[in-house]
Amino acid sequence: MNPIEDDLKFSVNDFGEKYVYSVDRICFERSDSNTVFNNHFQDELWGDDTFNVIVGTDSGLLVDYVRKNRKDNYSVYVFIELTHLLDLVITNCNFDKDDNIFIFGVDNWEDGVEKLHLPQYIYKNKLRFFESLGARYEYLDEYHTLKFSTYVSLEKITYRNKVTLGSEKFVVRQLQNVSENILPVLPLKDIFTGCTAIILAGGPSLDDCLPWVIENRQRLVIIAVSRIAKRLSQLSIIPDIFVSVDPFDDSFEVSKEMLEFPPSVVFVNSYHVVAKLLSQWHGHSLYLGTRFPWETKANLENVDGAGPTVSNSALTLAITFGFQKYYLLVLICAFPRKVTLMPKEVLKLSKALYSLQMEYGLKQMRMKWQKQTSLCQSLGNK
């Protein structure tokens, strides 16, 4: 529902707490806000020296809850509220004396956080994202858009700052991967013209849609982000391509199950992917970006494929390969029941990669390619 002016008046519960009914409905009717928030958030809000971005204020009650219960440390709490509620909720909470609690509107929160030393929290992986109860249950439709836009903006800010603040990590990984980054993606441009791909990422709808993927497996080229390898393994789904971009050790921990997949799978990695993952991959790999961190003729023309997320890189890859259709199995699912790709199309990738390897003199990998080609041929005959 969309609020009208009369809906923005305060109600009072049995515990003497004021809240806007159109924002929180019955959240605080049976219990006081302190009890409700304790049960919902438990200890998640009280991390050590964290930067916490919270969408919504629950009529200001959540702001007061944080002010009264937060740890005495350097944690920062940034609340982002809908513009038409901002002035109202500020009158219902008391945070003026706390230098680490801030309330911003939709239009100015990004400018506000720039002044709060956010980069130093990002560099330590201390940025956290939460939803108020009103935002979680979306009694006001506007919260849905606000949550999504805020999350996307934080992803972009995080990526930008990690590249800026932690560029040495990217360069170190680039140098560690020099011996592995042999085949660039670009020579395979348009290899799948007219075909259909599906990109599998780690969104909340993944499990709901995997049965459809299993049913239509032989008609699709599957591009999967590496961090869902464990889930795919549990369901015996073997993708055609894995994609990974992060240079951080955590990426290896969440992606290491991909090492158990057969060498017929192609690994497409950014030039700065975590070295432990790339160096242990036993199949064929293609890299995105530049091989060396300086200008040299050895840097072959290639697809950039820079994030900000691995899903972005996977989509860039699908576009580069020339797929006629590509479906994103990330947050929402809307797939037609009729697709046209035949399984033998996977053989095109194997043959093209084999030719590319020979062009770069990688004869020692010939046997692995032959095994992959045989596997793809068997798929095409089914």
Protein backbone atom coordinates (compact mmCIF):
# COMPACT_ATOMS: atom_id res chain seq x y z
CA MET A 1 0.00 0.00 0.00
CA ASN A 2 1.07 3.56 -0.54
CA PRO A 3 0.77 5.86 2.49
CA ILE A 4 -1.51 8.85 2.56
CA GLU A 5 -1.04 11.71 4.97
CA ASP A 6 -3.39 10.29 7.63
CA ASP A 7 -1.38 7.05 7.69
CA LEU A 8 1.71 8.90 8.92
CA LYS A 9 0.35 9.54 12.40
CA PHE A 10 1.78 7.85 15.49
CA SER A 11 -0.01 5.04 17.30
CA VAL A 12 0.86 4.15 20.90
CA ASN A 13 1.21 0.56 22.11
CA ASP A 14 0.48 -0.78 25.62
CA PHE A 15 4.09 -0.05 26.61
CA GLY A 16 3.85 3.66 25.87
CA GLU A 17 5.93 3.46 22.67
CA LYS A 18 4.97 5.52 19.64
CA TYR A 19 5.18 4.04 16.15
CA VAL A 20 3.74 4.70 12.72
CA TYR A 21 1.20 1.96 12.06
CA SER A 22 1.60 2.05 8.27
CA VAL A 23 5.33 1.35 8.73
CA ASP A 24 5.30 -1.38 11.40
CA ARG A 25 1.70 -2.62 11.61
CA ILE A 26 1.47 -5.14 14.49
CA CYS A 27 5.21 -5.57 15.13
CA PHE A 28 5.06 -3.81 18.50
CA GLU A 29 1.51 -4.56 19.66
CA ARG A 30 2.18 -7.63 21.80
CA SER A 31 5.71 -6.91 23.07
CA ASP A 32 7.80 -3.83 23.72
CA SER A 33 10.30 -2.83 21.05
CA ASN A 34 13.33 -3.87 23.12
CA THR A 35 12.03 -7.44 23.35
CA VAL A 36 11.07 -7.54 19.68
CA PHE A 37 14.47 -6.29 18.53
CA ASN A 38 16.36 -8.62 20.88
CA ASN A 39 14.50 -11.62 19.45
CA HIS A 40 14.95 -10.49 15.85
CA PHE A 41 18.54 -9.24 15.74
CA GLN A 42 19.99 -11.12 18.74
CA ASP A 43 23.70 -10.13 18.76
CA GLU A 44 24.10 -9.35 15.06
CA LEU A 45 24.06 -5.58 15.55
CA TRP A 46 26.83 -5.55 18.12
CA GLY A 47 29.94 -6.46 16.15
CA ASP A 48 33.28 -4.97 17.16
CA ASP A 49 34.16 -1.76 15.31
CA THR A 50 31.72 -2.32 12.46
CA PHE A 51 30.06 0.06 9.99
CA ASN A 52 26.35 -0.83 10.03
CA VAL A 53 23.99 0.39 7.32
CA ILE A 54 20.35 -0.15 8.31
CA VAL A 55 17.44 0.45 5.94
CA GLY A 56 14.52 1.91 7.88
CA THR A 57 14.22 3.05 11.49
CA ASP A 58 10.99 1.34 12.63
CA SER A 59 9.45 4.74 13.37
CA GLY A 60 12.60 5.72 15.29
CA LEU A 61 12.33 2.85 17.80
CA LEU A 62 15.24 0.97 16.25
CA VAL A 63 17.43 4.07 16.53
CA ASP A 64 16.75 4.35 20.25
CA TYR A 65 17.33 0.62 20.67
CA VAL A 66 20.76 0.89 19.07
CA ARG A 67 21.64 3.97 21.10
CA LYS A 68 20.79 2.27 24.41
CA ASN A 69 22.34 -1.13 23.71
CA ARG A 70 25.33 -0.68 21.43
CA LYS A 71 28.83 -1.50 22.60
CA ASP A 72 31.20 1.24 23.62
CA ASN A 73 33.49 0.96 20.62
CA TYR A 74 34.07 2.57 17.23
CA SER A 75 31.07 1.01 15.52
CA VAL A 76 29.05 3.35 13.30
CA TYR A 77 25.30 3.04 12.68
CA VAL A 78 23.83 4.66 9.59
CA PHE A 79 20.05 4.57 9.19
CA ILE A 80 18.52 5.26 5.77
CA GLU A 81 14.89 6.29 5.86
CA LEU A 82 12.24 7.09 3.27
CA THR A 83 12.15 10.79 2.49
CA HIS A 84 8.53 11.36 3.53
CA LEU A 85 9.18 9.67 6.89
CA LEU A 86 12.49 11.28 7.74
CA ASP A 87 11.33 14.34 9.69
CA LEU A 88 8.67 12.32 11.47
CA VAL A 89 10.94 9.59 12.81
CA ILE A 90 13.61 12.06 13.91
CA THR A 91 11.05 13.54 16.33
CA ASN A 92 10.49 10.07 17.82
CA CYS A 93 14.08 9.19 18.70
CA ASN A 94 16.95 10.66 20.64
CA PHE A 95 20.39 10.25 19.13
CA ASP A 96 21.85 13.76 19.17
CA LYS A 97 24.33 12.89 21.92
CA ASP A 98 25.74 9.86 20.10
CA ASP A 99 28.42 10.79 17.58
CA ASN A 100 28.30 7.37 15.92
CA ILE A 101 24.60 7.20 15.00
CA PHE A 102 23.30 8.95 11.88
CA ILE A 103 20.00 9.16 10.02
CA PHE A 104 19.99 10.03 6.32
CA GLY A 105 17.32 10.28 3.67
CA VAL A 106 17.23 8.41 0.39
CA ASP A 107 18.81 11.25 -1.53
CA ASN A 108 21.79 12.13 0.67
CA TRP A 109 22.97 8.97 2.41
CA GLU A 110 25.80 8.26 -0.02
CA ASP A 111 27.23 11.75 0.44
CA GLY A 112 26.84 11.31 4.19
CA VAL A 113 28.75 8.04 4.49
CA GLU A 114 31.67 9.46 2.50
CA LYS A 115 32.42 11.70 5.49
CA LEU A 116 32.34 8.81 8.00
CA HIS A 117 35.57 7.01 7.05
CA LEU A 118 33.70 4.12 5.42
CA PRO A 119 36.74 2.97 3.38
CA GLN A 120 38.69 1.94 6.47
CA TYR A 121 35.81 -0.35 7.52
CA ILE A 122 35.52 -1.80 4.02
CA TYR A 123 39.23 -2.55 3.97
CA LYS A 124 38.83 -4.55 7.22
CA ASN A 125 35.66 -6.31 5.96
CA LYS A 126 33.63 -4.60 8.66
CA LEU A 127 30.75 -3.25 6.57
CA ARG A 128 27.37 -4.72 7.56
CA PHE A 129 23.90 -4.39 6.04
CA PHE A 130 20.61 -4.78 7.94
CA GLU A 131 16.91 -4.21 7.42
CA SER A 132 14.52 -2.77 9.97
CA LEU A 133 11.35 -4.75 10.61
CA GLY A 134 9.32 -2.30 8.56
CA ALA A 135 11.76 -2.66 5.66
CA ARG A 136 11.90 -6.44 6.01
CA TYR A 137 8.14 -6.89 5.83
CA GLU A 138 7.66 -4.08 3.30
CA TYR A 139 4.39 -2.79 4.65
CA LEU A 140 5.25 0.29 2.61
CA ASP A 141 6.05 -0.60 -1.00
CA GLU A 142 8.84 1.97 -1.15
CA TYR A 143 11.01 -0.10 1.17
CA HIS A 144 11.44 -2.79 -1.48
CA THR A 145 13.09 -0.36 -3.88
CA LEU A 146 15.10 1.28 -1.10
CA LYS A 147 16.54 -2.03 0.09
CA PHE A 148 17.57 -3.08 -3.39
CA SER A 149 19.09 0.26 -4.39
CA THR A 150 20.97 0.59 -1.10
CA TYR A 151 22.44 -2.90 -1.38
CA VAL A 152 23.55 -2.32 -4.97
CA SER A 153 25.10 1.03 -4.06
CA LEU A 154 27.01 -0.55 -1.16
CA GLU A 155 28.31 -3.26 -3.48
CA LYS A 156 29.62 -0.63 -5.87
CA ILE A 157 31.16 1.45 -3.07
CA THR A 158 32.80 -1.66 -1.63
CA TYR A 159 34.22 -2.74 -4.97
CA ARG A 160 35.52 0.74 -5.76
CA ASN A 161 37.21 1.11 -2.39
CA LYS A 162 38.71 -2.36 -2.37
CA VAL A 163 40.25 -1.67 -5.74
CA THR A 164 41.56 1.68 -4.52
CA LEU A 165 42.63 0.76 -0.99
CA GLY A 166 43.71 -2.79 -1.64
CA SER A 167 45.19 -2.52 -5.11
CA GLU A 168 48.37 -4.21 -3.94
CA LYS A 169 46.38 -7.41 -3.36
CA PHE A 170 45.16 -7.32 -6.97
CA VAL A 171 48.67 -6.75 -8.29
CA VAL A 172 50.12 -9.53 -6.13
CA ARG A 173 47.48 -11.96 -7.38
CA GLN A 174 48.11 -10.83 -10.95
CA LEU A 175 51.80 -11.66 -10.63
CA GLN A 176 51.07 -14.96 -8.88
CA ASN A 177 48.77 -15.93 -11.75
CA VAL A 178 51.12 -15.04 -14.63
CA SER A 179 52.03 -18.68 -15.26
CA GLU A 180 48.36 -19.72 -15.20
CA ASN A 181 46.82 -16.87 -17.20
CA ILE A 182 47.66 -18.19 -20.65
CA LEU A 183 44.47 -18.12 -22.70
CA PRO A 184 42.51 -14.85 -22.96
CA VAL A 185 38.75 -14.84 -23.42
CA LEU A 186 38.57 -12.52 -26.42
CA PRO A 187 39.61 -15.01 -29.18
CA LEU A 188 36.41 -16.94 -28.39
CA LYS A 189 34.21 -13.94 -29.07
CA ASP A 190 30.84 -14.95 -30.58
CA ILE A 191 31.64 -18.67 -30.30
CA PHE A 192 28.08 -19.33 -29.12
CA THR A 193 26.18 -17.11 -31.56
CA GLY A 194 22.53 -18.15 -31.65
CA CYS A 195 22.74 -20.35 -28.54
CA THR A 196 21.20 -20.09 -25.08
CA ALA A 197 23.00 -19.73 -21.74
CA ILE A 198 21.89 -19.63 -18.15
CA ILE A 199 23.92 -17.83 -15.49
CA LEU A 200 23.68 -19.40 -12.03
CA ALA A 201 24.56 -17.15 -9.09
CA GLY A 202 23.99 -17.34 -5.36
CA GLY A 203 20.67 -15.54 -5.09
CA PRO A 204 17.82 -16.63 -2.78
CA SER A 205 15.81 -18.10 -5.67
CA LEU A 206 18.56 -20.54 -6.65
CA ASP A 207 17.17 -23.65 -4.94
CA ASP A 208 13.66 -23.00 -6.20
CA CYS A 209 14.79 -22.97 -9.83
CA LEU A 210 17.45 -25.69 -9.90
CA PRO A 211 14.87 -28.43 -10.66
CA TRP A 212 14.07 -26.56 -13.89
CA VAL A 213 17.78 -26.39 -14.69
CA ILE A 214 18.12 -30.15 -14.15
CA GLU A 215 15.12 -30.83 -16.38
CA ASN A 216 16.51 -28.66 -19.21
CA ARG A 217 20.21 -29.35 -18.65
CA GLN A 218 20.89 -30.78 -22.10
CA ARG A 219 19.48 -27.67 -23.80
CA LEU A 220 21.58 -25.08 -21.97
CA VAL A 221 25.14 -23.90 -21.59
CA ILE A 222 25.48 -23.37 -17.85
CA ILE A 223 27.69 -20.55 -16.56
CA ALA A 224 27.98 -20.74 -12.76
CA VAL A 225 29.75 -18.58 -10.21
CA SER A 226 32.29 -20.61 -8.29
CA ARG A 227 30.80 -20.09 -4.85
CA ILE A 228 27.75 -22.22 -5.62
CA ALA A 229 29.90 -25.21 -6.60
CA LYS A 230 29.05 -27.06 -3.37
CA ARG A 231 25.32 -26.77 -3.99
CA LEU A 232 25.68 -27.87 -7.61
CA SER A 233 27.74 -30.86 -6.52
CA GLN A 234 25.05 -31.92 -4.06
CA LEU A 235 22.55 -32.05 -6.93
CA SER A 236 25.02 -33.58 -9.44
CA ILE A 237 24.75 -30.55 -11.73
CA ILE A 238 27.93 -30.11 -13.77
CA PRO A 239 28.17 -26.64 -15.36
CA ASP A 240 30.02 -25.94 -18.57
CA ILE A 241 31.81 -22.88 -17.17
CA PHE A 242 32.76 -21.69 -13.69
CA VAL A 243 33.52 -17.99 -13.13
CA SER A 244 35.45 -16.43 -10.25
CA VAL A 245 36.98 -12.98 -9.76
CA ASP A 246 37.83 -12.25 -6.11
CA PRO A 247 41.50 -12.08 -5.03
CA PHE A 248 40.78 -12.66 -1.34
CA ASP A 249 41.38 -15.89 0.57
CA ASP A 250 37.72 -16.08 1.59
CA SER A 251 36.88 -16.67 -2.06
CA PHE A 252 38.87 -19.89 -2.05
CA GLU A 253 37.09 -21.14 1.06
CA VAL A 254 33.63 -20.69 -0.48
CA SER A 255 34.68 -21.94 -3.93
CA LYS A 256 37.03 -24.85 -3.27
CA GLU A 257 34.35 -27.46 -4.03
CA MET A 258 34.71 -26.57 -7.72
CA LEU A 259 38.06 -28.37 -7.64
CA GLU A 260 36.13 -31.64 -7.34
CA PHE A 261 34.42 -31.12 -10.71
CA PRO A 262 35.70 -32.89 -13.85
CA PRO A 263 38.28 -31.21 -16.12
CA SER A 264 35.68 -30.90 -18.86
CA VAL A 265 34.44 -27.77 -17.08
CA VAL A 266 36.11 -24.55 -18.26
CA PHE A 267 37.24 -22.11 -15.57
CA VAL A 268 36.97 -18.43 -16.57
CA ASN A 269 38.81 -16.26 -14.05
CA SER A 270 39.74 -12.65 -13.64
CA TYR A 271 43.46 -11.98 -13.88
CA HIS A 272 43.52 -11.32 -10.12
CA VAL A 273 41.52 -14.33 -8.91
CA VAL A 274 42.77 -15.95 -5.70
CA ALA A 275 45.83 -17.93 -6.74
CA LYS A 276 45.05 -21.02 -4.65
CA LEU A 277 41.92 -21.61 -6.70
CA LEU A 278 43.44 -21.10 -10.14
CA SER A 279 46.68 -22.99 -9.48
CA GLN A 280 44.81 -26.10 -8.31
CA TRP A 281 42.29 -26.15 -11.15
CA HIS A 282 42.90 -29.31 -13.19
CA GLY A 283 40.88 -28.36 -16.25
CA HIS A 284 41.15 -25.62 -18.86
CA SER A 285 41.02 -21.95 -17.98
CA LEU A 286 40.53 -18.59 -19.68
CA TYR A 287 41.37 -15.26 -18.09
CA LEU A 288 39.68 -11.85 -18.14
CA GLY A 289 41.70 -8.63 -18.07
CA THR A 290 45.44 -8.16 -18.49
CA ARG A 291 48.14 -10.69 -17.76
CA PHE A 292 50.78 -8.22 -16.53
CA PRO A 293 50.31 -5.08 -14.35
CA TRP A 294 52.43 -2.95 -16.68
CA GLU A 295 52.29 -2.00 -20.34
CA THR A 296 53.80 -4.69 -22.51
CA LYS A 297 53.16 -6.40 -25.83
CA ALA A 298 52.69 -9.59 -23.82
CA ASN A 299 49.35 -8.15 -22.67
CA LEU A 300 47.13 -9.52 -25.40
CA GLU A 301 43.90 -7.82 -26.36
CA ASN A 302 41.23 -9.17 -24.07
CA VAL A 303 37.85 -8.63 -22.41
CA ASP A 304 38.03 -6.54 -19.24
CA GLY A 305 35.30 -8.31 -17.28
CA ALA A 306 35.79 -6.18 -14.17
CA GLY A 307 32.99 -6.55 -11.57
CA PRO A 308 31.77 -5.08 -9.41
CA THR A 309 30.53 -8.63 -8.79
CA VAL A 310 31.22 -12.05 -10.21
CA SER A 311 27.71 -12.03 -11.65
CA ASN A 312 28.59 -8.94 -13.66
CA SER A 313 31.66 -10.73 -15.01
CA ALA A 314 29.60 -13.80 -15.88
CA LEU A 315 27.13 -11.63 -17.78
CA THR A 316 29.99 -9.89 -19.61
CA LEU A 317 31.30 -13.33 -20.55
CA ALA A 318 27.91 -14.43 -21.90
CA ILE A 319 27.66 -11.30 -24.02
CA THR A 320 31.19 -11.78 -25.33
CA PHE A 321 30.51 -15.40 -26.28
CA GLY A 322 27.59 -14.16 -28.37
CA PHE A 323 24.72 -16.08 -26.82
CA GLN A 324 21.43 -15.18 -28.38
CA LYS A 325 19.67 -15.63 -25.03
CA TYR A 326 21.02 -15.62 -21.51
CA TYR A 327 18.92 -16.06 -18.42
CA LEU A 328 20.00 -14.82 -15.00
CA LEU A 329 19.19 -17.21 -12.19
CA VAL A 330 20.10 -14.84 -9.34
CA LEU A 331 17.24 -13.02 -7.65
CA ILE A 332 14.16 -13.69 -9.76
CA CYS A 333 13.26 -16.46 -12.14
CA ALA A 334 11.17 -16.11 -15.26
CA PHE A 335 12.16 -18.73 -17.78
CA PRO A 336 10.34 -19.80 -20.94
CA ARG A 337 9.72 -23.52 -21.15
CA LYS A 338 11.03 -23.75 -24.72
CA VAL A 339 14.74 -23.38 -25.42
CA THR A 340 16.68 -24.26 -28.56
CA LEU A 341 20.28 -25.07 -27.66
CA MET A 342 21.38 -28.60 -28.51
CA PRO A 343 23.95 -30.36 -26.30
CA LYS A 344 26.42 -30.64 -29.15
CA GLU A 345 26.86 -26.86 -28.95
CA VAL A 346 29.12 -27.51 -25.97
CA LEU A 347 31.44 -29.26 -28.41
CA LYS A 348 31.97 -25.92 -30.19
CA LEU A 349 33.61 -24.53 -27.06
CA SER A 350 35.85 -27.55 -26.70
CA LYS A 351 37.02 -27.41 -30.33
CA ALA A 352 37.58 -23.67 -30.23
CA LEU A 353 39.58 -23.87 -27.03
CA TYR A 354 41.63 -26.73 -28.44
CA SER A 355 42.55 -24.66 -31.50
CA LEU A 356 43.39 -21.74 -29.28
CA GLN A 357 45.68 -23.86 -27.13
CA MET A 358 47.56 -25.09 -30.17
CA GLU A 359 47.94 -21.50 -31.34
CA TYR A 360 49.67 -20.66 -28.06
CA GLY A 361 51.80 -23.80 -28.09
CA LEU A 362 50.15 -25.64 -25.21
CA LYS A 363 50.64 -29.10 -26.67
CA GLN A 364 51.08 -30.67 -23.24
CA MET A 365 47.36 -30.24 -22.62
CA ARG A 366 46.28 -32.12 -25.74
CA MET A 367 45.22 -35.29 -23.93
CA LYS A 368 42.95 -33.37 -21.57
CA TRP A 369 41.32 -31.64 -24.51
CA GLN A 370 40.70 -34.95 -26.25
CA LYS A 371 38.96 -36.28 -23.16
CA GLN A 372 36.79 -33.19 -22.99
CA THR A 373 35.95 -33.42 -26.68
CA SER A 374 34.92 -37.06 -26.29
CA LEU A 375 32.70 -36.15 -23.37
CA CYS A 376 31.04 -33.34 -25.31
CA GLN A 377 30.53 -35.62 -28.30
CA SER A 378 28.83 -38.18 -26.10
CA LEU A 379 26.53 -35.44 -24.83
CA GLY A 380 25.74 -34.40 -28.37
CA ASN A 381 24.75 -37.94 -29.31
CA LYS A 382 22.24 -38.23 -26.48
